[in-house]
Amino acid sequence: MRQYKILLIIADGLGDRPTRELNGRTPLGAADKPNLRELIRSSVGGLMDPIAPGVRAGSDTSHLAIFGLDPFKYYRGRGAFEAIGAGAVLEPGDVAFRGNFATVEGDLTVIDRRAGRKIEEADDLVRELNEKVGEIDGVKAMFYHGTEHRVAVVLRGQGLSDKVSDTDPHEVNRRVLESRPLDGTKEAERTAEVLNKLTRRVYEVLSQSELNKLRVSKGLPPANVILLRGASIFEGLPKFKDYTGLNAGAVSATALIKGICKQLGMDVITPPGATGGVDSDLNAKADAAAKTLEEKDFVFVHVKGTDAASHDGNARAKVDVIERIDRMIGRILDRVGSELVIAFTGDHTTPVEVREHTSDPVPFMLYLPFQANFDGLSDFNEREVKKGSLRIRGLDVTNLLLGYSNRAEKYGA
């Protein structure tokens, strides 16, 4: 049998609900998608529960599942993924956190959890922290910039634990939280104490930074603290090639996703202009994906802008990103042709009117170059795909891709 190459495209937070601003349509339903409408005619479609029905998925756990790893078995926390994706080289025993640059006032009351989101000075602020924070009680603190407001923080030292609570209150007009141990160990108690001292030290350094003084003079919110969450101790993951047989490449600009893909052993490409935001250069991602498909069996493309627009409650921006994704797909096909298996979906649902992840299933389509219109679908959106033949979990995706690309090993005699 002929073996087909595989293209998996995930639009972060793609799923949505009917939206008042779009006259009861979802952003996916409102978007003009000529390339997806053409592909859906040779696709099977349906709905996917990233983890399981009713489970509200994170981007980390859902991607693990979609790549074929049970998150209930392999998930150890998000921090290590963020740090690796942001450029950290972790050692056993390191405790990593994901974080946000944020704006606080007075008694560390959070005014803006993302300090305006787009922080041009972020790389320089991280460099300043690495120069001035140093060690806290014998524990080395290392800082890494991801994209926009995102930061990864790594603690390295003896006697540390990831069983500590977040400092991020997850809401504005609340004070930065004190971290506390989540079990009765001395290691957790020590780590929480270090983390609280680190928060205060970071605030001191950033409040005195000339870069933040310049931001304030321009009317921009200062990035004067880091809110931390998702503590995890570094542990390796199985390699994608070992359990699928696929040589894989990934195109992404988002630290979390890059970190997961790197841990899985994928070659990760971040082309110039790819930002992980709504302004990301999707033409650059298309060109990188097409080039990688010349060399790899499997190429994964991640687009974060749909989720960013959802968290901002911006329906029109989400529609625009979806339309640019459609053009990205067309650009890839212009370069490589359509003789490949293509899956397009989201990693979770983020309705623009909710601004947060929900447990709703996600629309899923699987283009098959040899398939007539078995499902009879005319468009790709939440309502139309309910007519399709698929009702799957995230853990089913890799198996479906292997099966329909004629690369699956037979199970049994």
Protein backbone atom coordinates (compact mmCIF):
# COMPACT_ATOMS: atom_id res chain seq x y z
CA MET A 1 0.00 0.00 0.00
CA ARG A 2 1.11 3.52 -0.68
CA GLN A 3 2.14 5.40 2.44
CA TYR A 4 1.05 9.02 2.63
CA LYS A 5 2.74 11.87 4.45
CA ILE A 6 0.80 13.47 7.27
CA LEU A 7 0.04 17.13 8.03
CA LEU A 8 -1.57 17.92 11.40
CA ILE A 9 -2.72 21.51 11.96
CA ILE A 10 -3.98 22.61 15.36
CA ALA A 11 -5.55 26.02 15.83
CA ASP A 12 -5.30 26.62 19.56
CA GLY A 13 -8.69 27.25 21.18
CA LEU A 14 -10.44 26.82 17.82
CA GLY A 15 -13.79 25.57 19.12
CA ASP A 16 -16.42 28.12 20.08
CA ARG A 17 -20.10 28.70 20.78
CA PRO A 18 -22.72 30.78 18.95
CA THR A 19 -21.71 34.40 19.42
CA ARG A 20 -23.96 37.43 19.64
CA GLU A 21 -21.49 39.66 17.81
CA LEU A 22 -21.53 37.22 14.87
CA ASN A 23 -25.36 36.94 14.78
CA GLY A 24 -25.42 33.54 16.42
CA ARG A 25 -22.61 32.02 14.40
CA THR A 26 -19.33 30.76 15.76
CA PRO A 27 -16.11 32.37 14.47
CA LEU A 28 -15.45 29.17 12.52
CA GLY A 29 -18.93 29.37 11.04
CA ALA A 30 -18.57 33.05 10.16
CA ALA A 31 -15.13 32.78 8.55
CA ASP A 32 -14.66 32.51 4.79
CA LYS A 33 -12.71 29.27 4.29
CA PRO A 34 -12.52 28.29 0.59
CA ASN A 35 -9.62 25.87 1.05
CA LEU A 36 -11.21 24.08 3.99
CA ARG A 37 -14.55 23.90 2.17
CA GLU A 38 -12.77 22.21 -0.72
CA LEU A 39 -10.92 19.77 1.54
CA ILE A 40 -14.04 18.87 3.55
CA ARG A 41 -15.54 17.33 0.41
CA SER A 42 -12.93 14.58 0.63
CA SER A 43 -12.87 14.33 4.40
CA VAL A 44 -14.41 12.53 7.31
CA GLY A 45 -15.43 14.83 10.10
CA GLY A 46 -16.91 14.99 13.53
CA LEU A 47 -16.22 16.07 17.10
CA MET A 48 -13.23 15.40 19.33
CA ASP A 49 -13.05 15.44 23.11
CA PRO A 50 -9.38 16.36 23.67
CA ILE A 51 -9.18 14.37 26.93
CA ALA A 52 -12.62 12.86 27.56
CA PRO A 53 -16.25 14.08 27.52
CA GLY A 54 -16.75 16.80 30.10
CA VAL A 55 -13.04 17.25 30.85
CA ARG A 56 -11.88 20.86 30.52
CA ALA A 57 -8.57 20.44 28.69
CA GLY A 58 -5.44 22.52 28.96
CA SER A 59 -3.22 23.05 25.96
CA ASP A 60 -0.52 20.88 27.50
CA THR A 61 -2.67 17.86 28.37
CA SER A 62 -4.62 18.02 25.10
CA HIS A 63 -1.47 18.09 22.97
CA LEU A 64 -0.04 15.12 24.85
CA ALA A 65 -3.25 13.21 24.13
CA ILE A 66 -3.33 14.21 20.45
CA PHE A 67 0.27 13.04 20.09
CA GLY A 68 -0.76 9.66 21.50
CA LEU A 69 0.36 9.91 25.15
CA ASP A 70 -2.20 9.49 27.92
CA PRO A 71 -1.98 12.70 29.96
CA PHE A 72 -3.21 10.88 33.08
CA LYS A 73 0.00 8.86 32.86
CA TYR A 74 2.56 11.28 31.44
CA TYR A 75 1.51 14.78 32.55
CA ARG A 76 3.75 16.19 35.29
CA GLY A 77 2.89 19.89 34.99
CA ARG A 78 3.29 22.60 32.42
CA GLY A 79 6.34 24.43 33.71
CA ALA A 80 8.99 22.11 32.23
CA PHE A 81 7.37 22.25 28.77
CA GLU A 82 7.34 26.06 28.85
CA ALA A 83 10.94 26.26 29.98
CA ILE A 84 12.27 23.83 27.36
CA GLY A 85 10.28 25.61 24.66
CA ALA A 86 11.72 28.94 25.78
CA GLY A 87 15.28 27.62 25.48
CA ALA A 88 16.11 26.09 28.86
CA VAL A 89 18.23 22.97 29.11
CA LEU A 90 16.85 21.23 32.17
CA GLU A 91 18.62 18.88 34.55
CA PRO A 92 17.08 16.21 36.78
CA GLY A 93 15.69 17.84 39.92
CA ASP A 94 15.09 21.25 38.33
CA VAL A 95 11.70 22.76 39.16
CA ALA A 96 10.21 24.80 36.33
CA PHE A 97 7.29 27.21 36.27
CA ARG A 98 5.33 28.97 33.59
CA GLY A 99 4.72 32.61 34.26
CA ASN A 100 3.39 35.94 33.08
CA PHE A 101 4.92 39.36 33.22
CA ALA A 102 2.19 41.28 35.02
CA THR A 103 1.43 44.73 36.41
CA VAL A 104 0.89 45.22 40.14
CA GLU A 105 0.34 48.25 42.35
CA GLY A 106 0.61 49.02 46.05
CA ASP A 107 0.52 45.81 48.10
CA LEU A 108 1.15 43.69 44.97
CA THR A 109 -2.45 43.91 43.78
CA VAL A 110 -2.68 42.67 40.20
CA ILE A 111 -3.91 45.32 37.77
CA ASP A 112 -3.08 43.51 34.51
CA ARG A 113 -2.16 39.80 34.45
CA ARG A 114 -0.32 40.24 31.12
CA ALA A 115 1.17 43.75 31.44
CA GLY A 116 -0.47 44.71 28.17
CA ARG A 117 0.37 41.32 26.56
CA LYS A 118 2.81 42.63 23.90
CA ILE A 119 6.01 43.60 25.72
CA GLU A 120 8.73 44.78 23.36
CA GLU A 121 11.23 44.95 26.22
CA ALA A 122 10.61 41.37 27.42
CA ASP A 123 13.97 39.95 26.29
CA ASP A 124 15.85 42.79 27.97
CA LEU A 125 13.79 42.48 31.16
CA VAL A 126 14.59 38.77 31.33
CA ARG A 127 18.27 39.52 30.78
CA GLU A 128 18.15 42.05 33.64
CA LEU A 129 16.53 39.49 35.95
CA ASN A 130 19.18 36.89 35.14
CA GLU A 131 21.89 39.43 35.93
CA LYS A 132 20.44 40.83 39.16
CA VAL A 133 18.33 38.18 40.92
CA GLY A 134 21.02 35.53 41.40
CA GLU A 135 20.47 32.91 44.10
CA ILE A 136 17.76 32.72 46.74
CA ASP A 137 18.86 30.72 49.81
CA GLY A 138 21.32 28.74 47.71
CA VAL A 139 18.82 28.10 44.91
CA LYS A 140 19.68 29.46 41.47
CA ALA A 141 16.82 31.19 39.63
CA MET A 142 16.91 31.30 35.82
CA PHE A 143 14.51 33.24 33.59
CA TYR A 144 13.52 32.62 29.95
CA HIS A 145 11.26 34.66 27.68
CA GLY A 146 8.68 32.77 25.66
CA THR A 147 6.38 34.91 23.51
CA GLU A 148 4.62 38.17 24.33
CA HIS A 149 4.11 38.33 28.14
CA ARG A 150 5.08 34.71 28.79
CA VAL A 151 8.09 33.81 30.92
CA ALA A 152 9.51 30.52 32.18
CA VAL A 153 11.34 30.34 35.50
CA VAL A 154 13.61 27.48 36.57
CA LEU A 155 14.86 26.79 40.10
CA ARG A 156 18.02 24.71 40.44
CA GLY A 157 19.35 23.50 43.75
CA GLN A 158 19.20 20.82 46.41
CA GLY A 159 16.06 19.76 48.23
CA LEU A 160 13.41 21.19 45.88
CA SER A 161 9.88 20.00 45.15
CA ASP A 162 7.17 20.80 42.59
CA LYS A 163 4.44 20.26 45.20
CA VAL A 164 3.89 23.98 45.73
CA SER A 165 0.95 26.24 44.93
CA ASP A 166 0.81 29.02 42.33
CA THR A 167 1.49 32.69 43.01
CA ASP A 168 -0.84 33.70 40.16
CA PRO A 169 -4.29 34.66 41.53
CA HIS A 170 -5.71 34.23 37.97
CA GLU A 171 -7.81 37.38 38.45
CA VAL A 172 -7.18 41.12 38.53
CA ASN A 173 -7.79 43.22 41.65
CA ARG A 174 -6.39 40.45 43.83
CA ARG A 175 -2.99 40.33 45.50
CA VAL A 176 -0.19 38.12 44.25
CA LEU A 177 -0.55 34.88 46.18
CA GLU A 178 1.92 33.47 48.66
CA SER A 179 3.06 30.05 47.52
CA ARG A 180 2.47 27.27 50.03
CA PRO A 181 3.59 23.62 50.25
CA LEU A 182 1.05 21.12 48.95
CA ASP A 183 2.37 18.22 50.98
CA GLY A 184 4.10 17.84 54.32
CA THR A 185 7.65 17.50 53.05
CA LYS A 186 10.55 19.75 53.97
CA GLU A 187 11.34 20.02 50.25
CA ALA A 188 7.94 21.52 49.45
CA GLU A 189 8.18 23.89 52.42
CA ARG A 190 11.64 25.02 51.32
CA THR A 191 10.56 25.52 47.69
CA ALA A 192 7.51 27.59 48.65
CA GLU A 193 9.69 29.79 50.89
CA VAL A 194 12.21 30.29 48.07
CA LEU A 195 9.40 31.08 45.64
CA ASN A 196 7.91 33.77 47.88
CA LYS A 197 11.32 35.41 48.38
CA LEU A 198 11.87 35.20 44.62
CA THR A 199 8.60 36.99 43.91
CA ARG A 200 9.58 39.90 46.14
CA ARG A 201 13.09 40.04 44.66
CA VAL A 202 11.71 40.05 41.10
CA TYR A 203 9.35 42.88 42.03
CA GLU A 204 12.26 44.92 43.44
CA VAL A 205 14.39 44.45 40.32
CA LEU A 206 11.59 45.14 37.84
CA SER A 207 10.21 48.15 39.75
CA GLN A 208 13.65 49.80 39.58
CA SER A 209 14.24 48.91 35.94
CA GLU A 210 14.79 51.84 33.59
CA LEU A 211 12.92 49.83 30.96
CA ASN A 212 9.76 49.89 33.04
CA LYS A 213 10.19 53.56 33.84
CA LEU A 214 10.31 54.16 30.09
CA ARG A 215 7.15 52.08 29.60
CA VAL A 216 5.32 54.14 32.19
CA SER A 217 6.45 57.38 30.50
CA LYS A 218 4.85 56.07 27.29
CA GLY A 219 1.58 55.30 29.06
CA LEU A 220 2.22 51.55 29.02
CA PRO A 221 1.68 49.28 32.03
CA PRO A 222 4.96 48.31 33.72
CA ALA A 223 5.93 44.64 33.65
CA ASN A 224 6.89 44.74 37.32
CA VAL A 225 6.24 41.23 38.62
CA ILE A 226 6.07 37.63 37.40
CA LEU A 227 3.04 35.49 38.28
CA LEU A 228 4.01 31.83 38.52
CA ARG A 229 2.03 28.62 38.08
CA GLY A 230 2.30 25.05 36.83
CA ALA A 231 5.31 23.84 38.84
CA SER A 232 6.86 20.65 37.50
CA ILE A 233 10.03 18.64 37.96
CA PHE A 234 11.65 17.69 34.69
CA GLU A 235 11.00 14.15 33.48
CA GLY A 236 11.52 12.90 29.92
CA LEU A 237 8.77 11.68 27.57
CA PRO A 238 8.74 8.78 25.10
CA LYS A 239 10.00 9.74 21.65
CA PHE A 240 7.35 10.16 18.96
CA LYS A 241 9.39 8.20 16.42
CA ASP A 242 9.78 5.25 18.79
CA TYR A 243 6.05 4.64 19.18
CA THR A 244 4.85 5.80 15.73
CA GLY A 245 7.79 5.14 13.40
CA LEU A 246 7.38 8.67 12.01
CA ASN A 247 10.14 11.20 11.36
CA ALA A 248 8.42 14.31 12.67
CA GLY A 249 8.83 18.06 12.43
CA ALA A 250 6.88 20.83 14.14
CA VAL A 251 6.29 24.48 13.23
CA SER A 252 5.41 26.62 16.24
CA ALA A 253 6.30 29.87 18.00
CA THR A 254 4.66 29.03 21.33
CA ALA A 255 7.04 27.99 24.12
CA LEU A 256 4.70 25.41 25.65
CA ILE A 257 4.11 23.64 22.34
CA LYS A 258 7.76 23.85 21.31
CA GLY A 259 8.70 22.32 24.66
CA ILE A 260 6.32 19.38 24.24
CA CYS A 261 7.50 18.75 20.68
CA LYS A 262 11.17 18.95 21.68
CA GLN A 263 10.61 16.47 24.50
CA LEU A 264 8.97 14.13 21.97
CA GLY A 265 12.06 14.38 19.79
CA MET A 266 10.51 16.39 16.96
CA ASP A 267 12.59 18.89 15.01
CA VAL A 268 11.05 22.27 15.88
CA ILE A 269 11.07 25.22 13.49
CA THR A 270 10.11 28.79 14.41
CA PRO A 271 10.29 30.83 11.20
CA PRO A 272 10.96 34.58 11.28
CA GLY A 273 7.74 36.50 11.86
CA ALA A 274 6.04 33.67 13.77
CA THR A 275 5.06 35.21 17.09
CA GLY A 276 2.51 32.95 18.73
CA GLY A 277 0.01 35.84 18.68
CA VAL A 278 -2.73 37.15 16.41
CA ASP A 279 -0.06 38.97 14.40
CA SER A 280 1.89 35.80 13.59
CA ASP A 281 3.17 35.47 10.00
CA LEU A 282 1.22 32.43 8.82
CA ASN A 283 2.74 32.63 5.35
CA ALA A 284 6.10 32.00 6.98
CA LYS A 285 4.62 29.03 8.83
CA ALA A 286 3.18 27.70 5.57
CA ASP A 287 6.55 27.91 3.84
CA ALA A 288 8.29 26.23 6.78
CA ALA A 289 5.70 23.45 6.82
CA ALA A 290 5.99 22.85 3.08
CA LYS A 291 9.78 22.67 3.27
CA THR A 292 9.63 20.31 6.23
CA LEU A 293 7.17 18.04 4.42
CA GLU A 294 9.86 17.46 1.81
CA GLU A 295 12.04 15.86 4.50
CA LYS A 296 9.64 14.40 7.10
CA ASP A 297 6.83 11.83 7.24
CA PHE A 298 4.82 13.93 9.68
CA VAL A 299 4.58 17.71 10.08
CA PHE A 300 2.68 19.45 12.86
CA VAL A 301 1.73 23.13 12.56
CA HIS A 302 0.50 25.03 15.61
CA VAL A 303 -1.32 28.38 15.44
CA LYS A 304 -1.88 30.22 18.71
CA GLY A 305 -3.71 33.33 17.46
CA THR A 306 -7.19 31.78 17.65
CA ASP A 307 -6.76 31.20 21.36
CA ALA A 308 -5.26 34.64 21.98
CA ALA A 309 -8.26 36.27 20.30
CA SER A 310 -10.62 34.08 22.35
CA HIS A 311 -9.01 35.02 25.66
CA ASP A 312 -9.32 38.67 24.63
CA GLY A 313 -13.02 38.17 23.79
CA ASN A 314 -12.38 39.42 20.26
CA ALA A 315 -14.67 37.52 17.87
CA ARG A 316 -13.65 39.50 14.77
CA ALA A 317 -9.97 38.87 15.43
CA LYS A 318 -10.67 35.14 15.79
CA VAL A 319 -12.52 35.13 12.45
CA ASP A 320 -9.55 36.90 10.85
CA VAL A 321 -7.05 34.37 12.22
CA ILE A 322 -9.19 31.46 10.96
CA GLU A 323 -9.35 33.03 7.50
CA ARG A 324 -5.57 33.43 7.51
CA ILE A 325 -5.20 29.80 8.58
CA ASP A 326 -7.30 28.83 5.58
CA ARG A 327 -4.97 30.80 3.31
CA MET A 328 -2.00 29.18 5.07
CA ILE A 329 -3.40 25.75 4.24
CA GLY A 330 -3.89 26.79 0.62
CA ARG A 331 -0.30 28.02 0.44
CA ILE A 332 1.00 24.69 1.78
CA LEU A 333 -1.04 22.74 -0.77
CA ASP A 334 0.18 24.98 -3.58
CA ARG A 335 3.71 23.97 -2.62
CA VAL A 336 3.33 20.25 -1.92
CA GLY A 337 0.09 19.18 -3.58
CA SER A 338 -2.83 17.37 -1.95
CA GLU A 339 -1.53 13.79 -1.93
CA LEU A 340 -1.22 13.66 1.83
CA VAL A 341 -3.40 13.00 4.87
CA ILE A 342 -4.41 16.25 6.60
CA ALA A 343 -6.03 16.65 10.01
CA PHE A 344 -7.31 20.06 11.13
CA THR A 345 -8.72 20.67 14.58
CA GLY A 346 -8.24 22.58 17.84
CA ASP A 347 -6.74 21.48 21.10
CA HIS A 348 -9.71 22.70 23.13
CA THR A 349 -12.67 25.06 22.95
CA THR A 350 -12.23 28.68 24.05
CA PRO A 351 -15.48 30.60 23.43
CA VAL A 352 -14.91 34.32 22.89
CA GLU A 353 -17.85 35.14 25.17
CA VAL A 354 -16.37 33.02 27.97
CA ARG A 355 -12.70 33.97 27.43
CA GLU A 356 -11.59 30.69 29.00
CA HIS A 357 -11.26 27.02 28.10
CA THR A 358 -14.49 25.02 28.34
CA SER A 359 -15.24 21.30 28.15
CA ASP A 360 -17.09 21.52 24.81
CA PRO A 361 -15.88 19.07 22.13
CA VAL A 362 -13.78 20.44 19.27
CA PRO A 363 -14.57 20.22 15.52
CA PHE A 364 -12.31 17.74 13.74
CA MET A 365 -11.75 16.98 10.07
CA LEU A 366 -9.54 14.42 8.39
CA TYR A 367 -8.80 14.91 4.69
CA LEU A 368 -8.04 11.74 2.77
CA PRO A 369 -6.66 12.05 -0.76
CA PHE A 370 -8.32 8.77 -1.79
CA GLN A 371 -11.71 9.45 -0.16
CA ALA A 372 -14.91 10.54 -1.88
CA ASN A 373 -17.30 12.65 0.17
CA PHE A 374 -18.29 9.83 2.51
CA ASP A 375 -19.66 12.10 5.23
CA GLY A 376 -21.38 14.54 2.84
CA LEU A 377 -20.11 17.60 4.68
CA SER A 378 -20.28 20.99 2.97
CA ASP A 379 -18.37 23.19 5.44
CA PHE A 380 -16.12 22.93 8.46
CA ASN A 381 -17.73 24.40 11.56
CA GLU A 382 -19.13 23.22 14.88
CA ARG A 383 -22.68 22.70 13.58
CA GLU A 384 -21.88 21.02 10.26
CA VAL A 385 -19.35 18.49 11.60
CA LYS A 386 -21.99 17.05 13.94
CA LYS A 387 -23.31 15.32 10.80
CA GLY A 388 -19.99 13.53 10.35
CA SER A 389 -19.05 9.96 11.22
CA LEU A 390 -16.37 10.66 13.86
CA ARG A 391 -16.78 11.01 17.63
CA ILE A 392 -13.29 10.62 19.03
CA ARG A 393 -10.93 11.50 21.86
CA GLY A 394 -7.57 13.20 21.51
CA LEU A 395 -5.84 9.86 22.09
CA ASP A 396 -7.48 8.52 18.92
CA VAL A 397 -5.93 11.12 16.60
CA THR A 398 -2.45 9.63 16.16
CA ASN A 399 -3.94 6.18 15.55
CA LEU A 400 -6.30 7.60 12.90
CA LEU A 401 -3.43 9.39 11.18
CA LEU A 402 -1.30 6.25 11.15
CA GLY A 403 -4.17 4.12 9.92
CA TYR A 404 -5.34 6.34 7.08
CA SER A 405 -1.78 7.07 5.93
CA ASN A 406 -1.20 3.29 5.67
CA ARG A 407 1.54 3.40 8.29
CA ALA A 408 -0.15 1.53 11.17
CA GLU A 409 1.22 -1.76 12.44
CA LYS A 410 -1.33 -4.55 12.58
CA TYR A 411 -2.53 -5.27 16.09
CA GLY A 412 -2.66 -9.04 16.45
CA ALA A 413 -2.18 -11.84 13.97
